[in-house]
Amino acid sequence: MFQVQCITDAPQQNFNIRLEDNSLLSLSLKYVDSQNSWFYAISHPKLTLNYARLTSTFSLLYQWQSIINFDISVSSTDIYDPAFQTDFTTGRIEIYVLTQDDRIYLDSLITGQIANGT
């Protein structure tokens, strides 16, 4: 798991991330002021998504886990979804790319197969 670094408060941003299997993930972030929200798009050889609302979640791409070997986690210092253009620069919101092993471990925690995170 690693954090996506260098996210600013610019309303449109693009990141190219090399994954464990050497494939390239393109992540685009867009802030829409009229909706007080961040949106994301991804492009990967096995999956393309065009701008969906970014929400705080352990597993943003869970529904596609059968076709991709990575995931994106969005964490918040509070219980709220990304809503402010400065969310990343203030540290309130962080984005992480999860490997397949991270995702398997997270699934085990969520389903209770691993008690107390051990």
C-alpha atoms as a PDB file:
ATOM      1  CA  MET A   1       0.000   0.000   0.000  1.00  0.00           C
ATOM      2  CA  PHE A   2       1.277   3.444  -0.787  1.00  0.00           C
ATOM      3  CA  GLN A   3      -0.085   6.944  -0.541  1.00  0.00           C
ATOM      4  CA  VAL A   4      -0.664   9.002  -3.667  1.00  0.00           C
ATOM      5  CA  GLN A   5       1.645  11.945  -3.055  1.00  0.00           C
ATOM      6  CA  CYS A   6       1.666  15.498  -4.360  1.00  0.00           C
ATOM      7  CA  ILE A   7      -2.099  15.983  -4.564  1.00  0.00           C
ATOM      8  CA  THR A   8      -2.725  19.721  -4.489  1.00  0.00           C
ATOM      9  CA  ASP A   9      -5.802  21.913  -4.372  1.00  0.00           C
ATOM     10  CA  ALA A  10      -5.766  22.365  -8.165  1.00  0.00           C
ATOM     11  CA  PRO A  11      -9.253  21.565  -9.491  1.00  0.00           C
ATOM     12  CA  GLN A  12      -7.954  19.127 -12.142  1.00  0.00           C
ATOM     13  CA  GLN A  13      -5.050  16.723 -11.552  1.00  0.00           C
ATOM     14  CA  ASN A  14      -3.631  13.635 -13.248  1.00  0.00           C
ATOM     15  CA  PHE A  15      -1.361  10.948 -11.837  1.00  0.00           C
ATOM     16  CA  ASN A  16       0.330   7.992 -13.526  1.00  0.00           C
ATOM     17  CA  ILE A  17       1.055   5.199 -11.065  1.00  0.00           C
ATOM     18  CA  ARG A  18       3.119   2.092 -11.809  1.00  0.00           C
ATOM     19  CA  LEU A  19       1.551  -0.917 -10.088  1.00  0.00           C
ATOM     20  CA  GLU A  20       3.188  -4.072  -8.694  1.00  0.00           C
ATOM     21  CA  ASP A  21       2.554  -6.008 -11.898  1.00  0.00           C
ATOM     22  CA  ASN A  22       4.227  -3.184 -13.847  1.00  0.00           C
ATOM     23  CA  SER A  23       0.921  -2.047 -15.381  1.00  0.00           C
ATOM     24  CA  LEU A  24       0.101   1.648 -15.450  1.00  0.00           C
ATOM     25  CA  LEU A  25      -2.823   3.168 -13.564  1.00  0.00           C
ATOM     26  CA  SER A  26      -3.874   6.657 -14.599  1.00  0.00           C
ATOM     27  CA  LEU A  27      -5.825   8.468 -11.898  1.00  0.00           C
ATOM     28  CA  SER A  28      -7.554  11.769 -12.594  1.00  0.00           C
ATOM     29  CA  LEU A  29      -9.075  13.957  -9.905  1.00  0.00           C
ATOM     30  CA  LYS A  30     -11.472  16.804 -10.561  1.00  0.00           C
ATOM     31  CA  TYR A  31     -13.031  19.203  -8.071  1.00  0.00           C
ATOM     32  CA  VAL A  32     -16.511  20.459  -8.990  1.00  0.00           C
ATOM     33  CA  ASP A  33     -17.261  23.583  -7.000  1.00  0.00           C
ATOM     34  CA  SER A  34     -20.979  23.591  -7.770  1.00  0.00           C
ATOM     35  CA  GLN A  35     -21.278  20.125  -6.159  1.00  0.00           C
ATOM     36  CA  ASN A  36     -18.733  20.654  -3.373  1.00  0.00           C
ATOM     37  CA  SER A  37     -17.155  17.382  -4.360  1.00  0.00           C
ATOM     38  CA  TRP A  38     -14.126  15.657  -5.786  1.00  0.00           C
ATOM     39  CA  PHE A  39     -14.592  13.194  -8.647  1.00  0.00           C
ATOM     40  CA  TYR A  40     -12.192  10.548  -9.914  1.00  0.00           C
ATOM     41  CA  ALA A  41     -11.555   8.730 -13.171  1.00  0.00           C
ATOM     42  CA  ILE A  42      -9.194   5.828 -13.716  1.00  0.00           C
ATOM     43  CA  SER A  43      -7.700   4.216 -16.737  1.00  0.00           C
ATOM     44  CA  HIS A  44      -6.015   0.816 -16.520  1.00  0.00           C
ATOM     45  CA  PRO A  45      -5.603  -1.947 -19.122  1.00  0.00           C
ATOM     46  CA  LYS A  46      -8.363  -3.945 -17.370  1.00  0.00           C
ATOM     47  CA  LEU A  47     -10.716  -1.148 -16.257  1.00  0.00           C
ATOM     48  CA  THR A  48     -11.734   2.360 -17.260  1.00  0.00           C
ATOM     49  CA  LEU A  49     -14.040   4.513 -15.141  1.00  0.00           C
ATOM     50  CA  ASN A  50     -15.199   7.973 -16.118  1.00  0.00           C
ATOM     51  CA  TYR A  51     -15.652  10.399 -13.241  1.00  0.00           C
ATOM     52  CA  ALA A  52     -17.527   9.108 -10.232  1.00  0.00           C
ATOM     53  CA  ARG A  53     -17.831  10.910  -6.902  1.00  0.00           C
ATOM     54  CA  LEU A  54     -14.852  10.318  -4.607  1.00  0.00           C
ATOM     55  CA  THR A  55     -16.004   8.970  -1.243  1.00  0.00           C
ATOM     56  CA  SER A  56     -14.230   7.981   1.943  1.00  0.00           C
ATOM     57  CA  THR A  57     -14.001   4.206   1.804  1.00  0.00           C
ATOM     58  CA  PHE A  58     -11.599   1.350   2.421  1.00  0.00           C
ATOM     59  CA  SER A  59     -12.277  -0.080  -1.024  1.00  0.00           C
ATOM     60  CA  LEU A  60     -13.302   2.331  -3.758  1.00  0.00           C
ATOM     61  CA  LEU A  61     -13.063  -0.311  -6.501  1.00  0.00           C
ATOM     62  CA  TYR A  62     -14.494  -3.288  -4.593  1.00  0.00           C
ATOM     63  CA  GLN A  63     -17.133  -4.127  -7.192  1.00  0.00           C
ATOM     64  CA  TRP A  64     -14.408  -4.712  -9.793  1.00  0.00           C
ATOM     65  CA  GLN A  65     -12.186  -6.918  -7.619  1.00  0.00           C
ATOM     66  CA  SER A  66     -12.730  -9.916  -9.886  1.00  0.00           C
ATOM     67  CA  ILE A  67     -11.053  -8.175 -12.838  1.00  0.00           C
ATOM     68  CA  ILE A  68      -8.336  -5.987 -11.269  1.00  0.00           C
ATOM     69  CA  ASN A  69      -5.534  -6.781  -8.809  1.00  0.00           C
ATOM     70  CA  PHE A  70      -5.413  -3.412  -7.031  1.00  0.00           C
ATOM     71  CA  ASP A  71      -7.742  -1.081  -5.185  1.00  0.00           C
ATOM     72  CA  ILE A  72      -7.958   2.509  -4.022  1.00  0.00           C
ATOM     73  CA  SER A  73      -8.623   3.502  -0.439  1.00  0.00           C
ATOM     74  CA  VAL A  74      -9.725   7.001   0.536  1.00  0.00           C
ATOM     75  CA  SER A  75      -9.228   7.914   4.181  1.00  0.00           C
ATOM     76  CA  SER A  76     -10.558  10.887   6.090  1.00  0.00           C
ATOM     77  CA  THR A  77      -9.561  12.380   9.432  1.00  0.00           C
ATOM     78  CA  ASP A  78     -13.276  12.666  10.197  1.00  0.00           C
ATOM     79  CA  ILE A  79     -16.360  10.774   9.035  1.00  0.00           C
ATOM     80  CA  TYR A  80     -17.078  12.971   6.019  1.00  0.00           C
ATOM     81  CA  ASP A  81     -16.447  12.465   2.310  1.00  0.00           C
ATOM     82  CA  PRO A  82     -14.132  14.785   0.383  1.00  0.00           C
ATOM     83  CA  ALA A  83     -16.017  18.074  -0.011  1.00  0.00           C
ATOM     84  CA  PHE A  84     -13.501  20.908   0.019  1.00  0.00           C
ATOM     85  CA  GLN A  85     -10.987  21.871  -2.630  1.00  0.00           C
ATOM     86  CA  THR A  86      -8.298  21.995   0.080  1.00  0.00           C
ATOM     87  CA  ASP A  87      -9.031  18.508   1.481  1.00  0.00           C
ATOM     88  CA  PHE A  88      -5.747  17.032   0.230  1.00  0.00           C
ATOM     89  CA  THR A  89      -3.492  19.974   1.082  1.00  0.00           C
ATOM     90  CA  THR A  90      -4.821  20.158   4.652  1.00  0.00           C
ATOM     91  CA  GLY A  91      -4.344  16.407   5.094  1.00  0.00           C
ATOM     92  CA  ARG A  92      -8.025  15.789   5.842  1.00  0.00           C
ATOM     93  CA  ILE A  93      -8.258  13.347   2.918  1.00  0.00           C
ATOM     94  CA  GLU A  94      -5.602  10.883   1.747  1.00  0.00           C
ATOM     95  CA  ILE A  95      -5.664   8.443  -1.164  1.00  0.00           C
ATOM     96  CA  TYR A  96      -3.871   5.096  -1.082  1.00  0.00           C
ATOM     97  CA  VAL A  97      -3.316   2.504  -3.771  1.00  0.00           C
ATOM     98  CA  LEU A  98      -3.695  -1.018  -2.403  1.00  0.00           C
ATOM     99  CA  THR A  99      -1.940  -4.090  -3.745  1.00  0.00           C
ATOM    100  CA  GLN A 100      -3.768  -7.369  -4.145  1.00  0.00           C
ATOM    101  CA  ASP A 101      -2.273  -8.592  -0.837  1.00  0.00           C
ATOM    102  CA  ASP A 102      -3.482  -5.424   0.916  1.00  0.00           C
ATOM    103  CA  ARG A 103      -6.949  -5.972  -0.496  1.00  0.00           C
ATOM    104  CA  ILE A 104      -7.051  -9.622   0.607  1.00  0.00           C
ATOM    105  CA  TYR A 105      -5.979  -8.625   4.110  1.00  0.00           C
ATOM    106  CA  LEU A 106      -8.583  -5.849   4.226  1.00  0.00           C
ATOM    107  CA  ASP A 107     -11.300  -8.253   3.059  1.00  0.00           C
ATOM    108  CA  SER A 108     -10.303 -10.635   5.870  1.00  0.00           C
ATOM    109  CA  LEU A 109     -10.605  -7.858   8.437  1.00  0.00           C
ATOM    110  CA  ILE A 110     -13.992  -6.743   7.114  1.00  0.00           C
ATOM    111  CA  THR A 111     -15.442 -10.260   7.010  1.00  0.00           C
ATOM    112  CA  GLY A 112     -14.121 -11.043  10.503  1.00  0.00           C
ATOM    113  CA  GLN A 113     -11.780 -13.791   9.371  1.00  0.00           C
ATOM    114  CA  ILE A 114      -8.966 -11.961  11.171  1.00  0.00           C
ATOM    115  CA  ALA A 115      -9.910 -10.979  14.719  1.00  0.00           C
ATOM    116  CA  ASN A 116      -8.669  -7.651  16.091  1.00  0.00           C
ATOM    117  CA  GLY A 117      -6.412  -7.071  13.102  1.00  0.00           C
ATOM    118  CA  THR A 118      -3.972  -9.872  13.999  1.00  0.00           C
END
